[in-house]
Amino acid sequence: GHREGSDLSALTPVLHELLAAIAELPSAKARETLTQHVQTAQNALVEQNPPEPGRAKQALDAVNSAAEVLEGGEKILGLCSKLYQLVAPLLGLPTP
């Protein structure tokens, strides 16, 4: 139905913000790894039909755990938690 679509459209700007925050990281290796995870999440949510929120959550978990140990990761953690709140209802999870 339409409801899922509207939830997903809210994800796109946050995913873009997340990619922008990752692009500012000092470590090239971190940028590369995290960008791949975000693209996986984006693909699973936006391009798959039906969406695969479980796969997206795994990718976000990977971004989240990497950002916890990165310098400048705070912004990324904040955006991850925003995305979790949007993805949780798709998974039938309670929103954090």
C-alpha atoms as a PDB file:
ATOM      1  CA  GLY A   1       0.000   0.000   0.000  1.00  0.00           C
ATOM      2  CA  HIS A   2       0.873   3.660  -0.015  1.00  0.00           C
ATOM      3  CA  ARG A   3       1.789   3.899   3.645  1.00  0.00           C
ATOM      4  CA  GLU A   4       5.043   2.002   3.297  1.00  0.00           C
ATOM      5  CA  GLY A   5       6.025   4.183   0.370  1.00  0.00           C
ATOM      6  CA  SER A   6       5.576   7.340   2.383  1.00  0.00           C
ATOM      7  CA  ASP A   7       7.693   5.931   5.214  1.00  0.00           C
ATOM      8  CA  LEU A   8      10.420   5.104   2.724  1.00  0.00           C
ATOM      9  CA  SER A   9      10.413   8.525   1.116  1.00  0.00           C
ATOM     10  CA  ALA A  10      11.353   9.962   4.522  1.00  0.00           C
ATOM     11  CA  LEU A  11      14.452   7.757   4.499  1.00  0.00           C
ATOM     12  CA  THR A  12      16.012   9.178   1.350  1.00  0.00           C
ATOM     13  CA  PRO A  13      17.020  12.632   2.683  1.00  0.00           C
ATOM     14  CA  VAL A  14      18.407  11.053   5.871  1.00  0.00           C
ATOM     15  CA  LEU A  15      20.420   8.531   3.854  1.00  0.00           C
ATOM     16  CA  HIS A  16      21.817  11.427   1.807  1.00  0.00           C
ATOM     17  CA  GLU A  17      22.734  13.317   4.993  1.00  0.00           C
ATOM     18  CA  LEU A  18      24.415  10.177   6.283  1.00  0.00           C
ATOM     19  CA  LEU A  19      26.461   9.823   3.086  1.00  0.00           C
ATOM     20  CA  ALA A  20      27.458  13.492   3.351  1.00  0.00           C
ATOM     21  CA  ALA A  21      28.534  13.025   6.992  1.00  0.00           C
ATOM     22  CA  ILE A  22      30.563   9.952   6.019  1.00  0.00           C
ATOM     23  CA  ALA A  23      32.234  11.895   3.197  1.00  0.00           C
ATOM     24  CA  GLU A  24      33.621  14.296   5.820  1.00  0.00           C
ATOM     25  CA  LEU A  25      35.435  11.552   7.747  1.00  0.00           C
ATOM     26  CA  PRO A  26      39.225  11.911   7.791  1.00  0.00           C
ATOM     27  CA  SER A  27      39.858   8.211   7.131  1.00  0.00           C
ATOM     28  CA  ALA A  28      39.546   7.128   3.501  1.00  0.00           C
ATOM     29  CA  LYS A  29      39.120   3.510   4.564  1.00  0.00           C
ATOM     30  CA  ALA A  30      36.266   4.403   6.912  1.00  0.00           C
ATOM     31  CA  ARG A  31      34.636   6.532   4.200  1.00  0.00           C
ATOM     32  CA  GLU A  32      34.782   3.675   1.725  1.00  0.00           C
ATOM     33  CA  THR A  33      33.494   0.997   4.119  1.00  0.00           C
ATOM     34  CA  LEU A  34      30.684   3.101   5.579  1.00  0.00           C
ATOM     35  CA  THR A  35      29.562   4.375   2.185  1.00  0.00           C
ATOM     36  CA  GLN A  36      29.185   0.763   1.025  1.00  0.00           C
ATOM     37  CA  HIS A  37      27.063  -0.080   4.074  1.00  0.00           C
ATOM     38  CA  VAL A  38      24.811   2.933   3.526  1.00  0.00           C
ATOM     39  CA  GLN A  39      24.420   2.036  -0.142  1.00  0.00           C
ATOM     40  CA  THR A  40      23.428  -1.495   0.905  1.00  0.00           C
ATOM     41  CA  ALA A  41      20.802  -0.064   3.252  1.00  0.00           C
ATOM     42  CA  GLN A  42      19.576   2.351   0.597  1.00  0.00           C
ATOM     43  CA  ASN A  43      19.353  -0.414  -1.971  1.00  0.00           C
ATOM     44  CA  ALA A  44      17.480  -2.716   0.427  1.00  0.00           C
ATOM     45  CA  LEU A  45      14.964  -0.014   1.360  1.00  0.00           C
ATOM     46  CA  VAL A  46      14.552   2.098  -1.731  1.00  0.00           C
ATOM     47  CA  GLU A  47      15.355  -0.116  -4.708  1.00  0.00           C
ATOM     48  CA  GLN A  48      14.143  -3.542  -3.591  1.00  0.00           C
ATOM     49  CA  ASN A  49      10.501  -4.299  -4.114  1.00  0.00           C
ATOM     50  CA  PRO A  50       9.309  -5.354  -1.609  1.00  0.00           C
ATOM     51  CA  PRO A  51      11.877  -3.592   0.601  1.00  0.00           C
ATOM     52  CA  GLU A  52      14.241  -5.633   2.760  1.00  0.00           C
ATOM     53  CA  PRO A  53      14.345  -3.730   6.053  1.00  0.00           C
ATOM     54  CA  GLY A  54      16.168  -6.599   7.783  1.00  0.00           C
ATOM     55  CA  ARG A  55      19.117  -6.288   5.395  1.00  0.00           C
ATOM     56  CA  ALA A  56      19.039  -2.508   5.768  1.00  0.00           C
ATOM     57  CA  LYS A  57      19.132  -2.782   9.551  1.00  0.00           C
ATOM     58  CA  GLN A  58      22.184  -5.051   9.398  1.00  0.00           C
ATOM     59  CA  ALA A  59      23.949  -2.500   7.216  1.00  0.00           C
ATOM     60  CA  LEU A  60      22.993   0.316   9.596  1.00  0.00           C
ATOM     61  CA  ASP A  61      24.220  -1.736  12.554  1.00  0.00           C
ATOM     62  CA  ALA A  62      27.589  -1.979  10.799  1.00  0.00           C
ATOM     63  CA  VAL A  63      27.666   1.788  10.202  1.00  0.00           C
ATOM     64  CA  ASN A  64      26.662   2.431  13.799  1.00  0.00           C
ATOM     65  CA  SER A  65      29.315   0.207  15.364  1.00  0.00           C
ATOM     66  CA  ALA A  66      32.029   1.654  13.112  1.00  0.00           C
ATOM     67  CA  ALA A  67      30.985   5.236  13.878  1.00  0.00           C
ATOM     68  CA  GLU A  68      31.218   4.595  17.620  1.00  0.00           C
ATOM     69  CA  VAL A  69      34.990   4.272  17.390  1.00  0.00           C
ATOM     70  CA  LEU A  70      35.585   6.896  14.699  1.00  0.00           C
ATOM     71  CA  GLU A  71      36.721  10.429  15.252  1.00  0.00           C
ATOM     72  CA  GLY A  72      33.853  12.638  14.111  1.00  0.00           C
ATOM     73  CA  GLY A  73      31.403   9.759  14.295  1.00  0.00           C
ATOM     74  CA  GLU A  74      28.853  11.583  16.480  1.00  0.00           C
ATOM     75  CA  LYS A  75      26.946  13.054  13.550  1.00  0.00           C
ATOM     76  CA  ILE A  76      26.790   9.622  11.908  1.00  0.00           C
ATOM     77  CA  LEU A  77      25.472   8.037  15.108  1.00  0.00           C
ATOM     78  CA  GLY A  78      22.754  10.686  15.286  1.00  0.00           C
ATOM     79  CA  LEU A  79      21.677  10.045  11.700  1.00  0.00           C
ATOM     80  CA  CYS A  80      21.761   6.279  12.260  1.00  0.00           C
ATOM     81  CA  SER A  81      19.376   6.588  15.168  1.00  0.00           C
ATOM     82  CA  LYS A  82      17.068   8.712  12.992  1.00  0.00           C
ATOM     83  CA  LEU A  83      17.131   5.959  10.361  1.00  0.00           C
ATOM     84  CA  TYR A  84      16.474   3.272  12.978  1.00  0.00           C
ATOM     85  CA  GLN A  85      13.316   5.121  13.983  1.00  0.00           C
ATOM     86  CA  LEU A  86      12.144   5.106  10.358  1.00  0.00           C
ATOM     87  CA  VAL A  87      13.110   1.478   9.714  1.00  0.00           C
ATOM     88  CA  ALA A  88      11.814   0.019  13.005  1.00  0.00           C
ATOM     89  CA  PRO A  89       8.102   0.230  12.036  1.00  0.00           C
ATOM     90  CA  LEU A  90       8.913  -1.561   8.742  1.00  0.00           C
ATOM     91  CA  LEU A  91      10.421  -4.395  10.766  1.00  0.00           C
ATOM     92  CA  GLY A  92       7.538  -4.368  13.226  1.00  0.00           C
ATOM     93  CA  LEU A  93       9.952  -3.351  15.967  1.00  0.00           C
ATOM     94  CA  PRO A  94       9.242  -0.920  18.769  1.00  0.00           C
ATOM     95  CA  THR A  95      10.777   2.452  17.926  1.00  0.00           C
ATOM     96  CA  PRO A  96      13.782   3.218  20.156  1.00  0.00           C
END
